[in-house]
């Protein structure tokens, strides 16, 4: 855990792996974005921040976190993932 906390999720949200279809993913992303807060903006203001996510599925999680950090004043936010979920066959 990072101390002090740079970004915090203050309420539960829908898990991305439980969504199917673009509408459900958009709603989950909206919920996540609304549940995030940057408690102390001066800690991120003007900084270059790298986000780490273990698995990239849709990019919705990284996007929501990056948006909150940029709103708090981060100069740039970059995402790094270790794996990409396989494409679904429809």
N, C-alpha and C. Protein backbone atom coordinates (compact mmCIF):
# COMPACT_ATOMS: atom_id res chain seq x y z
N UNK A 1 0.83 -1.17 0.00
CA UNK A 1 0.00 0.00 0.00
C UNK A 1 0.88 1.24 0.00
N UNK A 2 0.44 2.25 -0.74
CA UNK A 2 1.16 3.51 -0.80
C UNK A 2 0.68 4.39 0.35
N UNK A 3 1.62 4.98 1.05
CA UNK A 3 1.26 5.87 2.14
C UNK A 3 1.97 7.19 1.92
N UNK A 4 1.32 8.28 1.75
CA UNK A 4 -0.12 8.47 1.87
C UNK A 4 -0.86 7.98 0.64
N UNK A 5 -2.14 7.78 0.79
CA UNK A 5 -2.99 7.30 -0.30
C UNK A 5 -3.12 8.40 -1.35
N UNK A 6 -2.86 8.05 -2.61
CA UNK A 6 -2.99 9.02 -3.69
C UNK A 6 -4.39 9.04 -4.29
N UNK A 7 -5.00 7.86 -4.36
CA UNK A 7 -6.37 7.77 -4.88
C UNK A 7 -7.10 6.70 -4.08
N UNK A 8 -8.37 6.95 -3.83
CA UNK A 8 -9.12 6.03 -2.97
C UNK A 8 -10.49 5.76 -3.60
N UNK A 9 -10.92 4.52 -3.47
CA UNK A 9 -12.26 4.12 -3.89
C UNK A 9 -13.12 4.09 -2.63
N UNK A 10 -14.14 4.95 -2.56
CA UNK A 10 -14.91 5.10 -1.33
C UNK A 10 -16.23 4.36 -1.30
N UNK A 11 -16.57 3.64 -2.39
CA UNK A 11 -17.80 2.85 -2.37
C UNK A 11 -17.66 1.67 -3.32
N UNK A 12 -18.43 0.61 -3.10
CA UNK A 12 -18.34 -0.58 -3.95
C UNK A 12 -18.87 -0.30 -5.36
N UNK A 13 -18.32 -1.03 -6.33
CA UNK A 13 -18.74 -0.88 -7.73
C UNK A 13 -18.86 -2.26 -8.37
N UNK A 14 -19.48 -2.30 -9.52
CA UNK A 14 -19.62 -3.54 -10.28
C UNK A 14 -18.25 -4.00 -10.76
N UNK A 15 -17.98 -5.28 -10.63
CA UNK A 15 -16.72 -5.84 -11.12
C UNK A 15 -16.77 -5.92 -12.64
N UNK A 16 -15.68 -5.52 -13.28
CA UNK A 16 -15.64 -5.49 -14.74
C UNK A 16 -15.85 -6.88 -15.34
N UNK A 17 -15.32 -7.92 -14.71
CA UNK A 17 -15.47 -9.26 -15.28
C UNK A 17 -16.92 -9.77 -15.22
N UNK A 18 -17.76 -9.08 -14.49
CA UNK A 18 -19.18 -9.47 -14.41
C UNK A 18 -20.04 -8.74 -15.43
N UNK A 19 -19.41 -7.94 -16.27
CA UNK A 19 -20.17 -7.19 -17.27
C UNK A 19 -20.10 -7.87 -18.63
N UNK A 20 -21.10 -7.62 -19.42
CA UNK A 20 -21.08 -8.09 -20.81
C UNK A 20 -21.79 -7.03 -21.64
N UNK A 21 -21.20 -6.70 -22.73
CA UNK A 21 -21.79 -5.69 -23.59
C UNK A 21 -21.31 -4.29 -23.24
N UNK A 22 -21.33 -3.44 -24.21
CA UNK A 22 -20.80 -2.09 -24.07
C UNK A 22 -21.57 -1.25 -23.05
N UNK A 23 -22.89 -1.41 -22.99
CA UNK A 23 -23.68 -0.61 -22.06
C UNK A 23 -23.35 -0.93 -20.60
N UNK A 24 -23.22 -2.22 -20.28
CA UNK A 24 -22.87 -2.61 -18.91
C UNK A 24 -21.46 -2.13 -18.56
N UNK A 25 -20.55 -2.20 -19.50
CA UNK A 25 -19.18 -1.75 -19.23
C UNK A 25 -19.13 -0.24 -19.02
N UNK A 26 -19.89 0.48 -19.82
CA UNK A 26 -19.94 1.95 -19.64
C UNK A 26 -20.50 2.29 -18.26
N UNK A 27 -21.55 1.60 -17.86
CA UNK A 27 -22.14 1.85 -16.55
C UNK A 27 -21.16 1.51 -15.44
N UNK A 28 -20.46 0.40 -15.55
CA UNK A 28 -19.46 0.02 -14.55
C UNK A 28 -18.35 1.07 -14.49
N UNK A 29 -17.93 1.57 -15.63
CA UNK A 29 -16.91 2.61 -15.67
C UNK A 29 -17.38 3.90 -15.03
N UNK A 30 -18.64 4.26 -15.26
CA UNK A 30 -19.23 5.46 -14.65
C UNK A 30 -19.29 5.30 -13.13
N UNK A 31 -19.71 4.11 -12.67
CA UNK A 31 -19.75 3.84 -11.22
C UNK A 31 -18.36 3.97 -10.61
N UNK A 32 -17.38 3.38 -11.27
CA UNK A 32 -16.02 3.41 -10.74
C UNK A 32 -15.52 4.85 -10.67
N UNK A 33 -15.69 5.60 -11.75
CA UNK A 33 -15.25 6.99 -11.78
C UNK A 33 -15.86 7.78 -10.63
N UNK A 34 -17.14 7.59 -10.38
CA UNK A 34 -17.82 8.31 -9.30
C UNK A 34 -17.36 7.86 -7.92
N UNK A 35 -16.87 6.63 -7.81
CA UNK A 35 -16.44 6.10 -6.52
C UNK A 35 -15.00 6.47 -6.17
N UNK A 36 -14.28 7.09 -7.10
CA UNK A 36 -12.88 7.44 -6.87
C UNK A 36 -12.72 8.87 -6.40
N UNK A 37 -11.74 9.07 -5.52
CA UNK A 37 -11.39 10.42 -5.09
C UNK A 37 -9.89 10.51 -4.84
N UNK A 38 -9.36 11.68 -5.04
CA UNK A 38 -7.96 11.98 -4.73
C UNK A 38 -7.99 12.83 -3.46
N UNK A 39 -7.65 12.25 -2.30
CA UNK A 39 -7.81 12.96 -1.04
C UNK A 39 -6.94 14.22 -0.91
N UNK A 40 -5.72 14.18 -1.43
CA UNK A 40 -4.81 15.31 -1.30
C UNK A 40 -4.25 15.64 -2.69
N UNK A 41 -4.89 16.56 -3.37
CA UNK A 41 -4.53 16.88 -4.76
C UNK A 41 -3.09 17.34 -4.91
N UNK A 42 -2.52 18.01 -3.91
CA UNK A 42 -1.15 18.50 -4.04
C UNK A 42 -0.13 17.37 -4.17
N UNK A 43 -0.50 16.17 -3.78
CA UNK A 43 0.42 15.03 -3.91
C UNK A 43 0.55 14.55 -5.35
N UNK A 44 -0.44 14.85 -6.19
CA UNK A 44 -0.38 14.42 -7.59
C UNK A 44 -0.19 15.60 -8.55
N UNK A 45 -0.42 16.81 -8.09
CA UNK A 45 -0.35 18.00 -8.95
C UNK A 45 1.02 18.12 -9.62
N UNK A 46 1.00 18.20 -10.96
CA UNK A 46 2.23 18.37 -11.73
C UNK A 46 3.07 17.12 -11.90
N UNK A 47 2.64 16.01 -11.38
CA UNK A 47 3.42 14.76 -11.41
C UNK A 47 3.13 13.94 -12.65
N UNK A 48 4.12 13.13 -13.03
CA UNK A 48 3.96 12.11 -14.06
C UNK A 48 3.67 10.82 -13.31
N UNK A 49 2.53 10.20 -13.56
CA UNK A 49 2.09 9.05 -12.79
C UNK A 49 1.93 7.84 -13.69
N UNK A 50 2.44 6.69 -13.22
CA UNK A 50 2.26 5.43 -13.94
C UNK A 50 1.31 4.56 -13.14
N UNK A 51 0.24 4.11 -13.80
CA UNK A 51 -0.71 3.19 -13.19
C UNK A 51 -0.34 1.77 -13.56
N UNK A 52 -0.53 0.86 -12.65
CA UNK A 52 -0.27 -0.55 -12.89
C UNK A 52 -1.58 -1.30 -12.74
N UNK A 53 -1.88 -2.16 -13.70
CA UNK A 53 -3.05 -3.05 -13.62
C UNK A 53 -2.58 -4.43 -14.06
N UNK A 54 -2.98 -5.47 -13.35
CA UNK A 54 -2.48 -6.80 -13.68
C UNK A 54 -2.99 -7.31 -15.01
N UNK A 55 -4.29 -7.10 -15.30
CA UNK A 55 -4.86 -7.60 -16.56
C UNK A 55 -5.68 -6.49 -17.24
N UNK A 56 -5.41 -6.26 -18.50
CA UNK A 56 -6.16 -5.29 -19.29
C UNK A 56 -7.32 -6.03 -19.93
N UNK A 57 -8.53 -5.59 -19.64
CA UNK A 57 -9.71 -6.19 -20.24
C UNK A 57 -10.32 -5.22 -21.25
N UNK A 58 -10.84 -4.11 -20.75
CA UNK A 58 -11.45 -3.12 -21.63
C UNK A 58 -10.78 -1.76 -21.56
N UNK A 59 -9.96 -1.54 -20.55
CA UNK A 59 -9.33 -0.24 -20.35
C UNK A 59 -10.17 0.70 -19.52
N UNK A 60 -11.35 0.25 -19.13
CA UNK A 60 -12.28 1.10 -18.39
C UNK A 60 -11.72 1.49 -17.02
N UNK A 61 -11.11 0.56 -16.32
CA UNK A 61 -10.56 0.85 -15.00
C UNK A 61 -9.42 1.85 -15.10
N UNK A 62 -8.47 1.58 -15.99
CA UNK A 62 -7.35 2.51 -16.16
C UNK A 62 -7.84 3.90 -16.56
N UNK A 63 -8.81 3.94 -17.43
CA UNK A 63 -9.34 5.22 -17.89
C UNK A 63 -9.98 6.01 -16.74
N UNK A 64 -10.78 5.36 -15.91
CA UNK A 64 -11.44 6.04 -14.80
C UNK A 64 -10.42 6.58 -13.80
N UNK A 65 -9.43 5.78 -13.46
CA UNK A 65 -8.40 6.22 -12.51
C UNK A 65 -7.58 7.36 -13.11
N UNK A 66 -7.20 7.24 -14.36
CA UNK A 66 -6.41 8.28 -15.02
C UNK A 66 -7.19 9.60 -15.07
N UNK A 67 -8.48 9.54 -15.38
CA UNK A 67 -9.29 10.76 -15.43
C UNK A 67 -9.31 11.47 -14.08
N UNK A 68 -9.49 10.71 -13.00
CA UNK A 68 -9.51 11.32 -11.66
C UNK A 68 -8.16 11.96 -11.34
N UNK A 69 -7.07 11.26 -11.67
CA UNK A 69 -5.75 11.80 -11.37
C UNK A 69 -5.47 13.06 -12.18
N UNK A 70 -5.87 13.07 -13.45
CA UNK A 70 -5.68 14.27 -14.28
C UNK A 70 -6.51 15.42 -13.75
N UNK A 71 -7.73 15.15 -13.32
CA UNK A 71 -8.56 16.20 -12.73
C UNK A 71 -7.95 16.78 -11.47
N UNK A 72 -7.19 15.94 -10.74
CA UNK A 72 -6.54 16.40 -9.51
C UNK A 72 -5.24 17.15 -9.80
N UNK A 73 -4.85 17.21 -11.08
CA UNK A 73 -3.69 18.01 -11.44
C UNK A 73 -2.47 17.26 -11.92
N UNK A 74 -2.56 15.94 -12.07
CA UNK A 74 -1.41 15.19 -12.60
C UNK A 74 -1.07 15.71 -13.99
N UNK A 75 0.22 15.86 -14.27
CA UNK A 75 0.67 16.35 -15.58
C UNK A 75 0.40 15.32 -16.66
N UNK A 76 0.62 14.05 -16.35
CA UNK A 76 0.39 12.97 -17.31
C UNK A 76 0.19 11.67 -16.53
N UNK A 77 -0.61 10.79 -17.10
CA UNK A 77 -0.87 9.48 -16.49
C UNK A 77 -0.68 8.43 -17.58
N UNK A 78 0.16 7.44 -17.29
CA UNK A 78 0.46 6.36 -18.21
C UNK A 78 0.03 5.04 -17.58
N UNK A 79 -0.49 4.12 -18.39
CA UNK A 79 -0.92 2.82 -17.88
C UNK A 79 0.05 1.71 -18.28
N UNK A 80 0.24 0.76 -17.39
CA UNK A 80 1.08 -0.41 -17.63
C UNK A 80 0.31 -1.64 -17.18
N UNK A 81 0.18 -2.64 -18.05
CA UNK A 81 -0.46 -3.89 -17.68
C UNK A 81 0.46 -5.05 -18.02
N UNK A 82 0.30 -6.15 -17.30
CA UNK A 82 1.14 -7.32 -17.53
C UNK A 82 0.52 -8.31 -18.51
N UNK A 83 -0.80 -8.29 -18.62
CA UNK A 83 -1.46 -9.27 -19.49
C UNK A 83 -2.69 -8.63 -20.13
N UNK A 84 -3.08 -9.18 -21.24
CA UNK A 84 -4.28 -8.75 -21.96
C UNK A 84 -5.24 -9.91 -21.99
N UNK A 85 -6.47 -9.67 -21.58
CA UNK A 85 -7.48 -10.72 -21.66
C UNK A 85 -7.71 -11.06 -23.13
N UNK A 86 -7.89 -12.34 -23.40
CA UNK A 86 -8.12 -12.77 -24.77
C UNK A 86 -9.40 -12.21 -25.36
N UNK A 87 -9.44 -12.04 -26.64
CA UNK A 87 -10.64 -11.56 -27.32
C UNK A 87 -11.75 -12.58 -27.21
N UNK A 88 -12.95 -12.12 -26.99
CA UNK A 88 -14.11 -13.02 -26.93
C UNK A 88 -14.54 -13.36 -28.34
N UNK A 89 -15.03 -14.57 -28.51
CA UNK A 89 -15.62 -14.97 -29.78
C UNK A 89 -17.12 -14.86 -29.64
N UNK A 90 -17.73 -14.04 -30.43
CA UNK A 90 -19.18 -13.80 -30.34
C UNK A 90 -19.94 -14.68 -31.25
